C-alpha atoms as a PDB file:
ATOM      1  CA  UNK A   1      36.241  -8.750 -56.970  1.00  0.00           C
ATOM      2  CA  UNK A   2      39.617  -7.681 -58.286  1.00  0.00           C
ATOM      3  CA  UNK A   3      43.213  -8.731 -57.678  1.00  0.00           C
ATOM      4  CA  UNK A   4      43.601  -6.492 -54.615  1.00  0.00           C
ATOM      5  CA  UNK A   5      40.490  -7.978 -52.991  1.00  0.00           C
ATOM      6  CA  UNK A   6      41.911 -11.430 -53.653  1.00  0.00           C
ATOM      7  CA  UNK A   7      45.219 -10.427 -52.023  1.00  0.00           C
ATOM      8  CA  UNK A   8      43.317  -9.154 -48.985  1.00  0.00           C
ATOM      9  CA  UNK A   9      41.482 -12.484 -48.750  1.00  0.00           C
ATOM     10  CA  UNK A  10      44.697 -14.476 -49.152  1.00  0.00           C
ATOM     11  CA  UNK A  11      46.457 -12.483 -46.431  1.00  0.00           C
ATOM     12  CA  UNK A  12      43.552 -12.824 -43.999  1.00  0.00           C
ATOM     13  CA  UNK A  13      43.238 -16.569 -44.643  1.00  0.00           C
ATOM     14  CA  UNK A  14      46.900 -16.895 -43.756  1.00  0.00           C
ATOM     15  CA  UNK A  15      46.618 -14.664 -40.662  1.00  0.00           C
ATOM     16  CA  UNK A  16      43.179 -13.484 -39.580  1.00  0.00           C
ATOM     17  CA  UNK A  17      44.698 -11.452 -36.732  1.00  0.00           C
ATOM     18  CA  UNK A  18      46.475  -8.966 -38.972  1.00  0.00           C
ATOM     19  CA  UNK A  19      45.977  -5.383 -37.931  1.00  0.00           C
ATOM     20  CA  UNK A  20      44.541  -3.045 -40.530  1.00  0.00           C
ATOM     21  CA  UNK A  21      47.955  -1.368 -40.768  1.00  0.00           C
ATOM     22  CA  UNK A  22      49.717  -4.684 -41.439  1.00  0.00           C
ATOM     23  CA  UNK A  23      47.092  -5.725 -43.961  1.00  0.00           C
ATOM     24  CA  UNK A  24      47.382  -2.408 -45.824  1.00  0.00           C
ATOM     25  CA  UNK A  25      51.171  -2.779 -45.989  1.00  0.00           C
ATOM     26  CA  UNK A  26      50.941  -6.339 -47.312  1.00  0.00           C
ATOM     27  CA  UNK A  27      48.491  -5.438 -50.090  1.00  0.00           C
ATOM     28  CA  UNK A  28      50.313  -2.153 -50.791  1.00  0.00           C
ATOM     29  CA  UNK A  29      47.403   0.207 -50.200  1.00  0.00           C
ATOM     30  CA  UNK A  30      46.848   2.980 -47.703  1.00  0.00           C
ATOM     31  CA  UNK A  31      44.712   2.188 -44.667  1.00  0.00           C
ATOM     32  CA  UNK A  32      41.537   3.959 -45.814  1.00  0.00           C
ATOM     33  CA  UNK A  33      41.040   2.041 -49.090  1.00  0.00           C
ATOM     34  CA  UNK A  34      42.110  -1.195 -47.382  1.00  0.00           C
ATOM     35  CA  UNK A  35      39.497  -0.624 -44.688  1.00  0.00           C
ATOM     36  CA  UNK A  36      36.788   0.155 -47.275  1.00  0.00           C
ATOM     37  CA  UNK A  37      37.642  -2.989 -49.243  1.00  0.00           C
ATOM     38  CA  UNK A  38      37.690  -5.109 -46.077  1.00  0.00           C
ATOM     39  CA  UNK A  39      34.246  -3.854 -45.007  1.00  0.00           C
ATOM     40  CA  UNK A  40      32.903  -4.450 -48.540  1.00  0.00           C
ATOM     41  CA  UNK A  41      34.243  -8.026 -48.498  1.00  0.00           C
ATOM     42  CA  UNK A  42      32.540  -8.593 -45.139  1.00  0.00           C
ATOM     43  CA  UNK A  43      29.281  -6.999 -46.297  1.00  0.00           C
ATOM     44  CA  UNK A  44      29.215  -9.069 -49.497  1.00  0.00           C
ATOM     45  CA  UNK A  45      29.599 -12.310 -47.561  1.00  0.00           C
ATOM     46  CA  UNK A  46      33.006 -13.139 -49.046  1.00  0.00           C
ATOM     47  CA  UNK A  47      34.325 -12.976 -45.465  1.00  0.00           C
ATOM     48  CA  UNK A  48      31.896 -14.806 -43.206  1.00  0.00           C
ATOM     49  CA  UNK A  49      33.770 -14.454 -39.917  1.00  0.00           C
ATOM     50  CA  UNK A  50      37.007 -14.702 -37.997  1.00  0.00           C
ATOM     51  CA  UNK A  51      38.001 -17.538 -35.686  1.00  0.00           C
ATOM     52  CA  UNK A  52      40.845 -19.281 -33.913  1.00  0.00           C
ATOM     53  CA  UNK A  53      42.047 -22.604 -35.318  1.00  0.00           C
ATOM     54  CA  UNK A  54      42.362 -25.037 -32.409  1.00  0.00           C
ATOM     55  CA  UNK A  55      44.488 -28.181 -32.229  1.00  0.00           C
ATOM     56  CA  UNK A  56      42.037 -31.015 -31.447  1.00  0.00           C
ATOM     57  CA  UNK A  57      44.658 -32.979 -29.484  1.00  0.00           C
ATOM     58  CA  UNK A  58      45.398 -29.964 -27.278  1.00  0.00           C
ATOM     59  CA  UNK A  59      41.761 -29.828 -26.141  1.00  0.00           C
ATOM     60  CA  UNK A  60      41.227 -33.568 -25.811  1.00  0.00           C
ATOM     61  CA  UNK A  61      39.199 -34.009 -29.016  1.00  0.00           C
ATOM     62  CA  UNK A  62      41.830 -35.733 -31.149  1.00  0.00           C
ATOM     63  CA  UNK A  63      39.857 -38.851 -32.081  1.00  0.00           C
ATOM     64  CA  UNK A  64      38.289 -38.364 -35.493  1.00  0.00           C
ATOM     65  CA  UNK A  65      35.824 -40.343 -37.549  1.00  0.00           C
ATOM     66  CA  UNK A  66      34.255 -39.935 -40.955  1.00  0.00           C
ATOM     67  CA  UNK A  67      30.648 -41.047 -40.901  1.00  0.00           C
ATOM     68  CA  UNK A  68      28.862 -42.006 -44.100  1.00  0.00           C
ATOM     69  CA  UNK A  69      25.073 -41.777 -43.868  1.00  0.00           C
ATOM     70  CA  UNK A  70      22.632 -43.302 -46.341  1.00  0.00           C
ATOM     71  CA  UNK A  71      19.064 -42.111 -46.030  1.00  0.00           C
ATOM     72  CA  UNK A  72      16.112 -44.462 -46.206  1.00  0.00           C
ATOM     73  CA  UNK A  73      14.325 -41.809 -48.266  1.00  0.00           C
ATOM     74  CA  UNK A  74      15.727 -38.385 -49.070  1.00  0.00           C
ATOM     75  CA  UNK A  75      12.611 -36.257 -49.430  1.00  0.00           C
ATOM     76  CA  UNK A  76      11.163 -32.915 -48.323  1.00  0.00           C
ATOM     77  CA  UNK A  77      10.343 -34.249 -44.867  1.00  0.00           C
ATOM     78  CA  UNK A  78      13.404 -36.337 -44.018  1.00  0.00           C
ATOM     79  CA  UNK A  79      16.174 -34.093 -45.375  1.00  0.00           C
ATOM     80  CA  UNK A  80      15.341 -30.983 -43.300  1.00  0.00           C
ATOM     81  CA  UNK A  81      14.710 -33.110 -40.200  1.00  0.00           C
ATOM     82  CA  UNK A  82      18.059 -34.853 -40.638  1.00  0.00           C
ATOM     83  CA  UNK A  83      19.874 -31.558 -41.314  1.00  0.00           C
ATOM     84  CA  UNK A  84      18.415 -29.968 -38.179  1.00  0.00           C
ATOM     85  CA  UNK A  85      19.235 -32.999 -36.021  1.00  0.00           C
ATOM     86  CA  UNK A  86      22.832 -33.136 -37.252  1.00  0.00           C
ATOM     87  CA  UNK A  87      23.289 -29.407 -36.665  1.00  0.00           C
ATOM     88  CA  UNK A  88      22.428 -30.000 -32.979  1.00  0.00           C
ATOM     89  CA  UNK A  89      25.289 -32.477 -32.414  1.00  0.00           C
ATOM     90  CA  UNK A  90      28.369 -30.500 -31.325  1.00  0.00           C
ATOM     91  CA  UNK A  91      30.752 -33.380 -32.056  1.00  0.00           C
ATOM     92  CA  UNK A  92      29.823 -33.161 -35.748  1.00  0.00           C
ATOM     93  CA  UNK A  93      32.343 -30.549 -36.875  1.00  0.00           C
ATOM     94  CA  UNK A  94      31.478 -30.792 -40.560  1.00  0.00           C
ATOM     95  CA  UNK A  95      28.434 -32.122 -42.384  1.00  0.00           C
ATOM     96  CA  UNK A  96      28.219 -32.426 -46.145  1.00  0.00           C
ATOM     97  CA  UNK A  97      25.203 -33.453 -48.212  1.00  0.00           C
ATOM     98  CA  UNK A  98      26.376 -35.412 -51.234  1.00  0.00           C
ATOM     99  CA  UNK A  99      25.143 -36.385 -54.664  1.00  0.00           C
ATOM    100  CA  UNK A 100      24.991 -40.153 -55.004  1.00  0.00           C
ATOM    101  CA  UNK A 101      25.551 -42.759 -52.333  1.00  0.00           C
ATOM    102  CA  UNK A 102      26.084 -42.132 -49.455  1.00  0.00           C
ATOM    103  CA  UNK A 103      23.818 -39.151 -48.948  1.00  0.00           C
ATOM    104  CA  UNK A 104      25.894 -37.456 -46.254  1.00  0.00           C
ATOM    105  CA  UNK A 105      29.459 -37.293 -44.987  1.00  0.00           C
ATOM    106  CA  UNK A 106      29.907 -36.217 -41.365  1.00  0.00           C
ATOM    107  CA  UNK A 107      33.238 -35.373 -39.786  1.00  0.00           C
ATOM    108  CA  UNK A 108      33.210 -36.085 -36.069  1.00  0.00           C
ATOM    109  CA  UNK A 109      35.644 -35.122 -33.284  1.00  0.00           C
ATOM    110  CA  UNK A 110      35.517 -36.814 -29.863  1.00  0.00           C
ATOM    111  CA  UNK A 111      38.025 -37.612 -27.095  1.00  0.00           C
ATOM    112  CA  UNK A 112      38.398 -41.345 -27.746  1.00  0.00           C
ATOM    113  CA  UNK A 113      36.863 -44.532 -29.115  1.00  0.00           C
ATOM    114  CA  UNK A 114      34.494 -45.032 -26.194  1.00  0.00           C
ATOM    115  CA  UNK A 115      33.172 -41.483 -26.614  1.00  0.00           C
ATOM    116  CA  UNK A 116      32.619 -42.208 -30.304  1.00  0.00           C
ATOM    117  CA  UNK A 117      30.743 -45.395 -29.441  1.00  0.00           C
ATOM    118  CA  UNK A 118      28.462 -43.438 -27.081  1.00  0.00           C
ATOM    119  CA  UNK A 119      27.885 -40.789 -29.749  1.00  0.00           C
ATOM    120  CA  UNK A 120      27.065 -43.475 -32.307  1.00  0.00           C
ATOM    121  CA  UNK A 121      24.755 -45.373 -29.954  1.00  0.00           C
ATOM    122  CA  UNK A 122      22.937 -42.345 -28.546  1.00  0.00           C
ATOM    123  CA  UNK A 123      22.862 -39.789 -31.366  1.00  0.00           C
ATOM    124  CA  UNK A 124      24.068 -40.932 -34.781  1.00  0.00           C
ATOM    125  CA  UNK A 125      22.084 -44.154 -34.945  1.00  0.00           C
ATOM    126  CA  UNK A 126      18.936 -42.256 -33.914  1.00  0.00           C
ATOM    127  CA  UNK A 127      19.061 -39.598 -36.634  1.00  0.00           C
ATOM    128  CA  UNK A 128      15.760 -39.307 -38.540  1.00  0.00           C
ATOM    129  CA  UNK A 129      15.328 -41.007 -41.904  1.00  0.00           C
ATOM    130  CA  UNK A 130      18.564 -42.999 -41.775  1.00  0.00           C
ATOM    131  CA  UNK A 131      18.891 -46.425 -43.380  1.00  0.00           C
ATOM    132  CA  UNK A 132      22.617 -47.011 -42.788  1.00  0.00           C
ATOM    133  CA  UNK A 133      25.493 -45.397 -40.885  1.00  0.00           C
ATOM    134  CA  UNK A 134      29.060 -46.462 -41.645  1.00  0.00           C
ATOM    135  CA  UNK A 135      32.206 -45.121 -40.020  1.00  0.00           C
ATOM    136  CA  UNK A 136      35.839 -44.856 -40.946  1.00  0.00           C
ATOM    137  CA  UNK A 137      38.310 -43.862 -38.252  1.00  0.00           C
ATOM    138  CA  UNK A 138      40.859 -41.191 -39.082  1.00  0.00           C
ATOM    139  CA  UNK A 139      44.424 -42.458 -38.853  1.00  0.00           C
ATOM    140  CA  UNK A 140      46.164 -39.161 -39.622  1.00  0.00           C
ATOM    141  CA  UNK A 141      45.129 -35.743 -40.898  1.00  0.00           C
ATOM    142  CA  UNK A 142      47.252 -34.706 -43.867  1.00  0.00           C
ATOM    143  CA  UNK A 143      45.541 -31.472 -44.946  1.00  0.00           C
ATOM    144  CA  UNK A 144      43.164 -29.594 -42.676  1.00  0.00           C
ATOM    145  CA  UNK A 145      41.615 -26.153 -42.915  1.00  0.00           C
ATOM    146  CA  UNK A 146      43.643 -25.185 -45.981  1.00  0.00           C
ATOM    147  CA  UNK A 147      43.013 -21.651 -47.233  1.00  0.00           C
ATOM    148  CA  UNK A 148      40.959 -21.364 -50.418  1.00  0.00           C
ATOM    149  CA  UNK A 149      43.037 -20.587 -53.495  1.00  0.00           C
ATOM    150  CA  UNK A 150      41.998 -17.004 -54.198  1.00  0.00           C
END
């Protein structure tokens, strides 16, 4: 990956809806080499997809919680089972496996506190292999979905 590829990535992180013509102008290449580089970045996995960034408040999902999960035992049986179960919960918008304690950090988006309580009671507390679930409610998001420094 060279400096031009990094400029392509930076431009697309800023605006994923750029036309090929606009992208080529911004990185100062003609369309054909820009298109080849873009396809190579997609094929290599550097670009994993394109999506819209949605305001959670605008769609009624503005209540956020960070959920810290400590496993009873993190082993070959419990970790995959937990991972699969978490992946099935649509309100979990990010799940990170950590070194140390806790074992996992989940970022959750729901409409309100009562919806979070239902999610906790019905889904989070029933996840396989869990010893403890602790929550912290999000007061304000300062940085969200920041582009990677390429």
